[in-house]
């Protein structure tokens, strides 16, 4: 029997859910009985790994063999080695996925293949999305769809109208304006920062606690271990101060103990600039939504565990003149993913339409520029509805040119720009077999972005029909040979909690 799941593969915590016999989504707890699992992997040997709470607890004692926040490295060439075995962000993520699936099977008493909707930050680009697909393949999961986290939250939220989803998770921030109606959710505009989240507040608070200790007791004797323990304490302090005005924590290094008193004003000051960054991104998203015909909001909802910090709701309310609602901040995304997986598996109806998170374009060399000027011409633009398709007709530069290099770039910065340095190359290939024709021979380049944000490109010379298709090669994502090796590595691991 095939198991259909919704999976929130989070930066700091992950979760899995399914639709029950009554048609409602339910979270499937892990084998510790917890609704969420820390997205942390500890490698205890070359063939054994531990995922979740036990792995997080191991971080202070064995930091060289523990991985956290790996989602921030998705789509990058971030190589790792544990006990002599090479790993990538994709393989570490696959280990987390394997643990989540094993826990789901254990809870339900099932076995067999898995089909899943896996959520990703709305602002994830093509590299990060392809890397997430690869992680799922390494874990043996058939991906029904990569669903943007704000869309998943909106599907769970269920109310109608124009809604702003402010999603501040452990490691990423997204802000999205959607229209919600009985047919589903339609994204109007989205924006975000894949390297901004609750972990940044944890880091600020860790630094503050360490500095407080040093002022009283001097430098810790076992610095690395002390900082790791303090980081774990900082997350507990942040959580506690979501419901308390004051909190006291004791830091220890050997026989030395220092007690630090904290209040909400301190936490608010430590994260003030981070909050302002989220508000700047949200304002930009709202401007884009207004340009696309949504000048007014019916509601603002907060999701993501970091939105439990009272400073977040206060800042959003002050900035936008509307009291936001906190909607199942830790579980809204996974519950919405379960609903969507149920729909796509054929047991329900509804749509979840999203938009292009970042602009895509083709690199153009200007033959009339004596300095060989190069620009990126964006064909598919940020916030275009998905799926998206666009074609541009370009020309060869040289007489008798027999090949043409096709390079596709994706917007890298916050704002789309034609400058090459403001974009990142994601696809690259050479169109060969061109006829011996004059300079200026047309080449048609077509970009297709699928409903879940994956890109394919076709370059074609119209007179002969010579064609180049680019789909597989993405910079920063493991190739087929590495994928085969990692598949064997992940499959051979014994994974525990």
Protein backbone atom coordinates (compact mmCIF):
# COMPACT_ATOMS: atom_id res chain seq x y z
CA UNK A 1 0.00 0.00 0.00
CA UNK A 2 1.32 3.43 -0.95
CA UNK A 3 1.46 5.97 1.88
CA UNK A 4 0.55 9.55 0.94
CA UNK A 5 2.16 12.18 3.15
CA UNK A 6 2.70 15.88 3.58
CA UNK A 7 6.25 16.64 4.73
CA UNK A 8 7.56 19.90 6.13
CA UNK A 9 11.32 19.56 5.70
CA UNK A 10 12.27 22.47 7.95
CA UNK A 11 15.53 24.21 8.71
CA UNK A 12 15.32 23.63 12.46
CA UNK A 13 12.33 21.27 12.84
CA UNK A 14 10.57 18.91 10.45
CA UNK A 15 7.17 17.25 10.58
CA UNK A 16 5.01 14.77 8.69
CA UNK A 17 1.22 14.55 8.37
CA UNK A 18 -1.44 12.57 6.52
CA UNK A 19 -5.19 12.81 5.91
CA UNK A 20 -7.14 10.42 8.13
CA UNK A 21 -10.22 8.35 7.34
CA UNK A 22 -12.42 11.30 8.20
CA UNK A 23 -10.79 13.48 5.56
CA UNK A 24 -8.90 15.73 7.97
CA UNK A 25 -5.13 16.22 8.16
CA UNK A 26 -3.37 14.91 11.26
CA UNK A 27 0.24 15.20 12.36
CA UNK A 28 2.02 11.86 12.73
CA UNK A 29 4.25 12.04 15.82
CA UNK A 30 7.74 10.61 15.81
CA UNK A 31 8.72 7.60 17.89
CA UNK A 32 9.37 9.89 20.84
CA UNK A 33 5.73 11.03 20.67
CA UNK A 34 6.72 14.53 19.52
CA UNK A 35 4.83 16.31 16.70
CA UNK A 36 8.04 17.81 15.29
CA UNK A 37 11.54 16.40 14.89
CA UNK A 38 14.70 18.53 15.13
CA UNK A 39 16.31 18.68 11.68
CA UNK A 40 19.62 17.54 13.09
CA UNK A 41 21.72 14.52 12.12
CA UNK A 42 24.49 13.01 14.24
CA UNK A 43 26.80 10.50 12.55
CA UNK A 44 27.82 7.95 15.18
CA UNK A 45 29.85 5.87 12.70
CA UNK A 46 30.33 5.47 8.96
CA UNK A 47 27.18 3.35 8.77
CA UNK A 48 25.01 4.74 11.57
CA UNK A 49 23.26 8.07 12.13
CA UNK A 50 20.85 9.49 14.66
CA UNK A 51 18.15 12.02 13.75
CA UNK A 52 16.18 14.36 15.95
CA UNK A 53 16.36 15.19 19.66
CA UNK A 54 19.23 12.79 20.43
CA UNK A 55 21.26 14.29 17.57
CA UNK A 56 20.61 17.82 18.84
CA UNK A 57 21.68 16.76 22.32
CA UNK A 58 24.92 15.38 20.87
CA UNK A 59 25.87 18.69 19.22
CA UNK A 60 27.66 20.23 22.25
CA UNK A 61 29.73 17.09 22.81
CA UNK A 62 30.59 16.05 19.22
CA UNK A 63 30.12 19.08 16.94
CA UNK A 64 32.38 17.65 14.22
CA UNK A 65 29.94 14.79 13.56
CA UNK A 66 26.62 16.63 13.94
CA UNK A 67 24.83 18.63 11.23
CA UNK A 68 22.18 21.29 11.88
CA UNK A 69 20.61 23.98 9.67
CA UNK A 70 21.55 21.99 6.56
CA UNK A 71 18.57 23.43 4.68
CA UNK A 72 20.47 26.70 4.39
CA UNK A 73 23.08 24.85 2.31
CA UNK A 74 20.66 23.22 -0.13
CA UNK A 75 21.71 23.76 -3.73
CA UNK A 76 25.29 24.63 -2.82
CA UNK A 77 28.55 22.70 -3.16
CA UNK A 78 28.84 22.29 0.60
CA UNK A 79 30.73 19.06 1.02
CA UNK A 80 30.93 17.26 4.36
CA UNK A 81 32.74 14.19 5.62
CA UNK A 82 31.86 12.10 8.65
CA UNK A 83 33.86 9.05 9.74
CA UNK A 84 35.55 9.06 6.34
CA UNK A 85 32.30 9.12 4.31
CA UNK A 86 31.43 12.06 2.03
CA UNK A 87 28.03 13.72 2.35
CA UNK A 88 26.21 16.66 0.78
CA UNK A 89 23.24 18.80 1.91
CA UNK A 90 21.07 16.52 -0.23
CA UNK A 91 22.22 13.32 1.46
CA UNK A 92 21.86 14.79 4.96
CA UNK A 93 18.36 15.98 4.08
CA UNK A 94 17.59 12.52 2.71
CA UNK A 95 18.56 11.01 6.06
CA UNK A 96 16.09 13.34 7.80
CA UNK A 97 13.41 12.37 5.28
CA UNK A 98 14.11 8.67 5.83
CA UNK A 99 13.66 9.15 9.58
CA UNK A 100 10.38 11.02 9.10
CA UNK A 101 9.00 8.33 6.80
CA UNK A 102 10.11 5.53 9.14
CA UNK A 103 8.35 7.27 12.03
CA UNK A 104 5.18 7.70 9.94
CA UNK A 105 5.16 4.02 9.04
CA UNK A 106 5.78 3.07 12.69
CA UNK A 107 2.93 5.27 13.89
CA UNK A 108 0.46 3.97 11.31
CA UNK A 109 1.67 0.36 11.36
CA UNK A 110 2.27 0.41 7.61
CA UNK A 111 5.10 -0.24 5.19
CA UNK A 112 5.75 0.21 1.49
CA UNK A 113 6.33 3.07 -0.96
CA UNK A 114 5.72 6.73 -0.15
CA UNK A 115 4.36 9.56 -2.24
CA UNK A 116 4.62 13.01 -0.72
CA UNK A 117 4.13 16.72 -1.07
CA UNK A 118 7.27 18.33 0.36
CA UNK A 119 7.20 21.98 1.31
CA UNK A 120 9.90 24.51 0.44
CA UNK A 121 10.28 28.21 1.20
CA UNK A 122 8.43 30.28 -1.37
CA UNK A 123 11.64 32.12 -2.19
CA UNK A 124 13.68 28.96 -2.86
CA UNK A 125 15.31 29.21 -6.27
CA UNK A 126 15.86 26.54 -8.92
CA UNK A 127 19.02 25.14 -7.28
CA UNK A 128 17.39 24.73 -3.89
CA UNK A 129 14.27 23.15 -5.37
CA UNK A 130 16.24 20.69 -7.49
CA UNK A 131 18.35 19.84 -4.44
CA UNK A 132 15.16 19.11 -2.48
CA UNK A 133 13.97 16.83 -5.27
CA UNK A 134 17.30 15.02 -5.16
CA UNK A 135 17.07 14.59 -1.38
CA UNK A 136 13.65 12.99 -1.82
CA UNK A 137 14.95 10.67 -4.53
CA UNK A 138 17.87 9.64 -2.31
CA UNK A 139 15.33 8.83 0.42
CA UNK A 140 13.19 6.76 -1.96
CA UNK A 141 10.23 9.17 -1.92
CA UNK A 142 8.12 9.93 -4.99
CA UNK A 143 7.51 13.68 -4.99
CA UNK A 144 3.96 14.64 -5.88
CA UNK A 145 4.82 18.34 -5.69
CA UNK A 146 7.18 20.81 -4.12
CA UNK A 147 4.72 23.16 -2.43
CA UNK A 148 5.59 26.65 -1.21
CA UNK A 149 5.30 26.85 2.55
CA UNK A 150 2.97 29.89 2.59
CA UNK A 151 0.63 28.16 0.15
CA UNK A 152 0.56 25.11 2.41
CA UNK A 153 -0.22 27.32 5.40
CA UNK A 154 -3.02 29.01 3.44
CA UNK A 155 -4.54 25.65 2.49
CA UNK A 156 -4.65 24.76 6.18
CA UNK A 157 -5.93 28.20 7.16
CA UNK A 158 -8.96 27.74 4.94
CA UNK A 159 -10.64 31.16 5.21
CA UNK A 160 -11.34 33.19 2.09
CA UNK A 161 -10.15 36.54 0.82
CA UNK A 162 -6.84 38.27 0.28
CA UNK A 163 -4.40 37.04 2.91
CA UNK A 164 -0.84 37.96 3.75
CA UNK A 165 1.14 35.00 5.09
CA UNK A 166 4.10 36.11 7.19
CA UNK A 167 6.17 32.93 7.56
CA UNK A 168 9.18 33.15 9.86
CA UNK A 169 10.62 29.69 10.36
CA UNK A 170 13.80 28.51 11.99
CA UNK A 171 16.04 29.36 9.06
CA UNK A 172 14.01 31.05 6.32
CA UNK A 173 11.56 33.93 5.95
CA UNK A 174 8.80 34.18 3.36
CA UNK A 175 6.02 36.67 2.93
CA UNK A 176 3.25 35.93 0.45
CA UNK A 177 -0.04 37.49 -0.60
CA UNK A 178 -2.66 34.95 -1.69
CA UNK A 179 -6.29 34.87 -2.73
CA UNK A 180 -8.09 32.02 -1.00
CA UNK A 181 -11.44 30.73 -2.20
CA UNK A 182 -13.27 27.38 -2.10
CA UNK A 183 -11.29 26.21 -5.15
CA UNK A 184 -7.94 26.62 -3.37
CA UNK A 185 -5.17 29.18 -3.01
CA UNK A 186 -3.69 31.44 -5.69
CA UNK A 187 -0.45 33.30 -5.00
CA UNK A 188 -0.40 36.95 -6.09
CA UNK A 189 3.09 37.94 -4.96
CA UNK A 190 5.89 36.45 -2.91
CA UNK A 191 9.22 37.58 -1.51
CA UNK A 192 11.62 36.43 1.14
CA UNK A 193 15.08 35.68 2.44
CA UNK A 194 16.28 32.05 2.56
CA UNK A 195 18.89 32.94 5.21
CA UNK A 196 16.76 34.75 7.77
CA UNK A 197 14.93 32.95 10.54
CA UNK A 198 14.64 32.06 14.19
CA UNK A 199 18.17 30.66 14.15
CA UNK A 200 19.45 34.23 13.73
CA UNK A 201 17.69 35.28 16.94
CA UNK A 202 19.24 32.22 18.61
CA UNK A 203 22.67 33.32 17.44
CA UNK A 204 22.19 36.86 18.76
CA UNK A 205 20.97 35.53 22.09
CA UNK A 206 23.86 33.05 22.28
CA UNK A 207 26.37 35.86 21.76
CA UNK A 208 24.64 37.92 24.46
CA UNK A 209 24.73 35.04 26.96
CA UNK A 210 28.39 34.25 26.24
CA UNK A 211 29.33 37.91 26.66
CA UNK A 212 27.39 38.04 29.94
CA UNK A 213 29.31 34.99 31.20
CA UNK A 214 32.69 36.40 30.15
CA UNK A 215 32.04 39.73 31.89
CA UNK A 216 31.57 37.90 35.19
CA UNK A 217 33.84 34.85 34.95
CA UNK A 218 36.26 35.50 32.10
CA UNK A 219 36.84 33.31 29.07
CA UNK A 220 35.43 29.76 29.41
CA UNK A 221 38.00 27.01 29.76
CA UNK A 222 36.31 24.73 27.21
CA UNK A 223 35.15 27.36 24.74
CA UNK A 224 33.73 25.29 21.88
CA UNK A 225 31.73 23.01 24.14
CA UNK A 226 30.58 25.95 26.26
CA UNK A 227 29.33 27.90 23.23
CA UNK A 228 27.49 24.82 21.90
CA UNK A 229 25.75 24.30 25.26
CA UNK A 230 24.92 27.99 25.45
CA UNK A 231 23.41 27.87 21.95
CA UNK A 232 21.10 25.06 23.07
CA UNK A 233 20.17 27.09 26.15
CA UNK A 234 19.50 30.17 24.00
CA UNK A 235 16.77 28.37 22.06
CA UNK A 236 15.14 27.30 25.33
CA UNK A 237 15.33 30.88 26.62
CA UNK A 238 13.74 32.24 23.43
CA UNK A 239 10.89 29.75 23.70
CA UNK A 240 10.34 30.50 27.39
CA UNK A 241 10.17 34.23 26.76
CA UNK A 242 7.29 33.76 24.33
CA UNK A 243 5.09 33.36 27.40
CA UNK A 244 7.14 35.08 30.13
CA UNK A 245 8.24 38.68 30.62
CA UNK A 246 11.42 37.63 32.45
CA UNK A 247 13.62 34.55 32.45
CA UNK A 248 16.69 33.45 34.39
CA UNK A 249 19.22 30.95 33.06
CA UNK A 250 22.42 29.54 34.54
CA UNK A 251 25.51 28.99 32.38
CA UNK A 252 28.22 26.56 33.52
CA UNK A 253 31.80 25.94 32.51
CA UNK A 254 33.44 23.30 34.66
CA UNK A 255 32.86 24.38 38.26
CA UNK A 256 32.04 28.00 37.31
CA UNK A 257 28.39 29.03 37.14
CA UNK A 258 26.94 32.40 36.12
CA UNK A 259 23.25 33.29 36.30
CA UNK A 260 21.93 35.67 33.64
CA UNK A 261 18.62 37.56 33.96
CA UNK A 262 16.80 38.39 30.73
CA UNK A 263 13.62 40.22 29.81
CA UNK A 264 11.62 40.71 26.65
CA UNK A 265 13.04 44.16 26.04
CA UNK A 266 16.51 42.65 25.80
CA UNK A 267 15.36 40.04 23.29
CA UNK A 268 13.48 42.71 21.34
CA UNK A 269 16.59 44.90 21.16
CA UNK A 270 18.85 42.00 20.12
CA UNK A 271 16.57 41.18 17.18
CA UNK A 272 15.32 44.66 16.22
CA UNK A 273 17.22 44.85 12.93
CA UNK A 274 16.16 41.30 12.02
CA UNK A 275 12.50 42.21 12.53
CA UNK A 276 12.98 45.31 10.40
CA UNK A 277 14.43 43.16 7.60
CA UNK A 278 11.27 41.05 7.59
CA UNK A 279 9.12 44.18 7.47
CA UNK A 280 11.09 45.61 4.53
CA UNK A 281 10.58 42.38 2.60
CA UNK A 282 6.87 42.35 3.50
CA UNK A 283 6.41 45.92 2.30
CA UNK A 284 8.06 45.01 -1.00
CA UNK A 285 5.73 42.02 -1.36
CA UNK A 286 2.68 44.18 -0.64
CA UNK A 287 3.75 46.70 -3.28
CA UNK A 288 4.02 43.87 -5.81
CA UNK A 289 0.57 42.58 -4.80
CA UNK A 290 -0.91 46.06 -5.23
CA UNK A 291 0.55 46.26 -8.74
CA UNK A 292 -1.19 42.94 -9.48
CA UNK A 293 -4.61 44.12 -8.38
CA UNK A 294 -4.73 43.35 -4.65
CA UNK A 295 -4.66 46.75 -2.90
CA UNK A 296 -6.29 45.59 0.34
CA UNK A 297 -5.83 42.66 2.69
CA UNK A 298 -8.57 40.79 4.49
CA UNK A 299 -6.21 39.24 7.02
CA UNK A 300 -2.61 38.72 8.04
CA UNK A 301 -1.64 35.32 9.41
CA UNK A 302 1.60 34.37 11.15
CA UNK A 303 3.12 30.94 10.71
CA UNK A 304 6.50 29.47 11.52
CA UNK A 305 7.75 28.75 15.02
CA UNK A 306 9.69 32.03 15.32
CA UNK A 307 6.44 34.03 15.10
CA UNK A 308 5.70 32.91 18.65
CA UNK A 309 8.01 35.72 19.77
CA UNK A 310 5.64 38.51 20.91
CA UNK A 311 7.87 41.12 19.24
CA UNK A 312 6.89 39.74 15.84
CA UNK A 313 3.13 40.23 16.21
CA UNK A 314 3.72 43.64 17.78
CA UNK A 315 5.93 44.78 14.90
CA UNK A 316 3.60 43.45 12.18
CA UNK A 317 0.59 45.09 13.82
CA UNK A 318 2.38 48.44 14.15
CA UNK A 319 3.73 48.35 10.60
CA UNK A 320 0.53 47.38 8.79
CA UNK A 321 -2.25 48.59 11.09
CA UNK A 322 -3.87 45.20 11.47
CA UNK A 323 -3.68 42.65 14.26
CA UNK A 324 -2.27 39.42 12.79
CA UNK A 325 -3.53 35.94 13.67
CA UNK A 326 -1.16 33.23 14.88
CA UNK A 327 -2.25 30.08 13.04
CA UNK A 328 -0.75 26.76 14.23
CA UNK A 329 2.71 28.28 13.77
CA UNK A 330 4.63 25.01 14.05
CA UNK A 331 2.20 22.76 12.18
CA UNK A 332 0.20 24.84 9.68
CA UNK A 333 2.63 24.09 6.86
CA UNK A 334 2.73 20.31 7.30
CA UNK A 335 -1.06 20.10 7.74
CA UNK A 336 -1.56 22.07 4.53
CA UNK A 337 0.95 19.83 2.76
CA UNK A 338 -1.07 16.78 3.84
CA UNK A 339 -4.23 18.34 2.38
CA UNK A 340 -2.42 19.03 -0.88
CA UNK A 341 -0.97 15.51 -1.06
CA UNK A 342 -4.48 14.12 -0.54
CA UNK A 343 -5.71 16.26 -3.45
CA UNK A 344 -2.92 15.27 -5.81
CA UNK A 345 -3.27 11.59 -4.97
CA UNK A 346 -6.75 11.77 -6.42
CA UNK A 347 -8.86 11.67 -3.29
CA UNK A 348 -9.92 15.31 -3.32
CA UNK A 349 -10.24 18.51 -5.32
CA UNK A 350 -8.71 21.95 -5.21
CA UNK A 351 -5.87 23.99 -6.63
CA UNK A 352 -2.72 25.58 -5.27
CA UNK A 353 -1.40 28.05 -7.80
CA UNK A 354 1.88 29.79 -7.09
CA UNK A 355 4.17 32.29 -8.80
CA UNK A 356 7.76 32.46 -10.03
CA UNK A 357 9.89 33.17 -6.93
CA UNK A 358 12.84 34.69 -8.83
CA UNK A 359 13.29 36.02 -12.35
CA UNK A 360 14.96 33.82 -14.98
CA UNK A 361 16.77 35.04 -18.07
CA UNK A 362 19.30 34.33 -20.79
CA UNK A 363 22.83 35.74 -20.97
CA UNK A 364 23.20 38.01 -23.99
CA UNK A 365 26.46 39.31 -25.46
CA UNK A 366 26.05 42.62 -27.30
CA UNK A 367 27.81 42.38 -30.70
CA UNK A 368 27.57 46.17 -31.07
CA UNK A 369 29.41 46.83 -27.80
CA UNK A 370 33.17 47.19 -28.45
CA UNK A 371 33.82 46.10 -24.87
CA UNK A 372 31.81 42.91 -25.31
CA UNK A 373 29.05 43.97 -22.91
CA UNK A 374 27.01 41.16 -21.39
CA UNK A 375 23.61 41.40 -19.73
CA UNK A 376 20.94 39.02 -18.48
CA UNK A 377 17.60 39.51 -20.21
CA UNK A 378 14.88 38.17 -17.93
CA UNK A 379 12.20 36.30 -19.83
CA UNK A 380 10.22 34.92 -16.90
CA UNK A 381 9.73 37.45 -14.16
CA UNK A 382 9.36 37.26 -10.40
CA UNK A 383 5.70 36.87 -9.41
CA UNK A 384 4.61 35.69 -12.89
CA UNK A 385 1.90 33.01 -12.40
CA UNK A 386 3.07 29.41 -12.58
CA UNK A 387 3.42 27.53 -14.83
CA UNK A 388 5.23 30.14 -16.91
CA UNK A 389 6.64 30.09 -20.44
CA UNK A 390 8.45 32.72 -22.50
CA UNK A 391 10.40 32.76 -25.78
CA UNK A 392 12.95 35.24 -27.07
CA UNK A 393 14.54 35.37 -30.55
CA UNK A 394 18.25 36.20 -30.47
CA UNK A 395 20.91 36.21 -33.18
CA UNK A 396 24.32 34.66 -33.72
CA UNK A 397 27.31 37.00 -33.49
CA UNK A 398 29.85 35.62 -35.98
CA UNK A 399 29.82 34.81 -39.69
CA UNK A 400 29.53 31.05 -40.23
CA UNK A 401 28.99 30.40 -36.52
CA UNK A 402 28.36 26.65 -36.04
CA UNK A 403 27.68 26.57 -32.28
CA UNK A 404 25.93 28.81 -29.77
CA UNK A 405 26.44 28.71 -26.02
CA UNK A 406 23.22 29.08 -24.03
CA UNK A 407 23.53 30.22 -20.42
CA UNK A 408 20.48 30.69 -18.20
CA UNK A 409 20.62 32.83 -15.09
CA UNK A 410 18.40 33.29 -12.08
CA UNK A 411 17.94 36.47 -10.04
CA UNK A 412 20.33 36.26 -7.08
CA UNK A 413 19.66 39.50 -5.21
CA UNK A 414 16.51 40.89 -3.67
CA UNK A 415 15.70 42.99 -6.75
CA UNK A 416 15.85 41.70 -10.37
CA UNK A 417 18.77 43.19 -12.30
CA UNK A 418 20.25 42.79 -15.79
CA UNK A 419 23.81 42.88 -14.43
CA UNK A 420 25.48 39.49 -14.66
CA UNK A 421 26.93 39.79 -11.16
CA UNK A 422 23.43 40.24 -9.72
CA UNK A 423 22.34 36.86 -11.10
CA UNK A 424 23.54 33.26 -10.72
CA UNK A 425 23.97 30.76 -13.54
CA UNK A 426 21.69 27.75 -13.23
CA UNK A 427 21.71 26.08 -16.67
CA UNK A 428 24.43 25.92 -19.31
CA UNK A 429 24.75 24.12 -22.64
CA UNK A 430 25.92 24.40 -26.25
CA UNK A 431 23.64 24.32 -29.31
CA UNK A 432 25.61 22.54 -32.05
CA UNK A 433 25.08 21.75 -35.72
CA UNK A 434 24.12 25.26 -36.83
CA UNK A 435 24.19 25.84 -40.59
CA UNK A 436 26.97 27.93 -42.13
CA UNK A 437 24.96 31.14 -42.04
CA UNK A 438 25.59 34.88 -41.64
CA UNK A 439 25.89 36.66 -38.32
CA UNK A 440 22.47 37.45 -36.94
CA UNK A 441 20.99 34.02 -37.73
CA UNK A 442 18.03 33.70 -35.35
CA UNK A 443 18.11 31.39 -32.36
CA UNK A 444 14.88 30.93 -30.38
CA UNK A 445 15.30 30.36 -26.65
CA UNK A 446 12.27 29.20 -24.66
CA UNK A 447 12.11 29.05 -20.86
CA UNK A 448 9.50 26.88 -19.12
CA UNK A 449 8.97 26.98 -15.36
CA UNK A 450 6.75 24.18 -14.05
CA UNK A 451 3.99 24.54 -11.46
CA UNK A 452 6.43 23.65 -8.69
CA UNK A 453 9.15 26.02 -9.86
CA UNK A 454 11.51 23.77 -11.85
CA UNK A 455 13.05 25.10 -15.03
CA UNK A 456 13.56 23.62 -18.48
CA UNK A 457 15.04 25.41 -21.49
CA UNK A 458 14.96 24.81 -25.22
CA UNK A 459 17.19 26.57 -27.76
CA UNK A 460 16.26 26.12 -31.45
CA UNK A 461 17.51 27.26 -34.85
CA UNK A 462 14.21 27.66 -36.80
CA UNK A 463 15.39 26.97 -40.36
CA UNK A 464 16.87 23.53 -39.59
CA UNK A 465 15.07 22.62 -36.39
CA UNK A 466 18.40 21.97 -34.63
CA UNK A 467 17.53 21.95 -30.93
CA UNK A 468 19.13 21.90 -27.50
CA UNK A 469 17.22 20.93 -24.34
CA UNK A 470 18.55 21.81 -20.91
CA UNK A 471 16.97 20.19 -17.89
CA UNK A 472 19.43 18.11 -15.88
CA UNK A 473 22.53 20.22 -15.29
CA UNK A 474 22.15 22.65 -12.41
CA UNK A 475 25.22 24.23 -10.80
CA UNK A 476 25.64 23.31 -7.15
CA UNK A 477 23.50 20.16 -7.35
CA UNK A 478 25.04 16.69 -7.39
CA UNK A 479 25.43 14.97 -10.76
CA UNK A 480 24.20 11.49 -11.66
CA UNK A 481 27.40 9.70 -10.64
CA UNK A 482 27.48 11.42 -7.26
CA UNK A 483 23.76 10.78 -6.88
CA UNK A 484 24.26 7.05 -7.38
CA UNK A 485 27.05 7.01 -4.79
CA UNK A 486 24.96 8.99 -2.30
CA UNK A 487 21.95 6.75 -2.88
CA UNK A 488 24.05 3.76 -1.83
CA UNK A 489 25.45 5.68 1.16
CA UNK A 490 22.02 6.79 2.43
CA UNK A 491 20.44 3.38 1.84
CA UNK A 492 23.24 1.68 3.77
CA UNK A 493 22.82 3.81 6.89
CA UNK A 494 21.12 2.56 10.01
CA UNK A 495 19.10 5.51 11.29
CA UNK A 496 17.91 5.86 14.87
CA UNK A 497 16.55 8.46 17.25
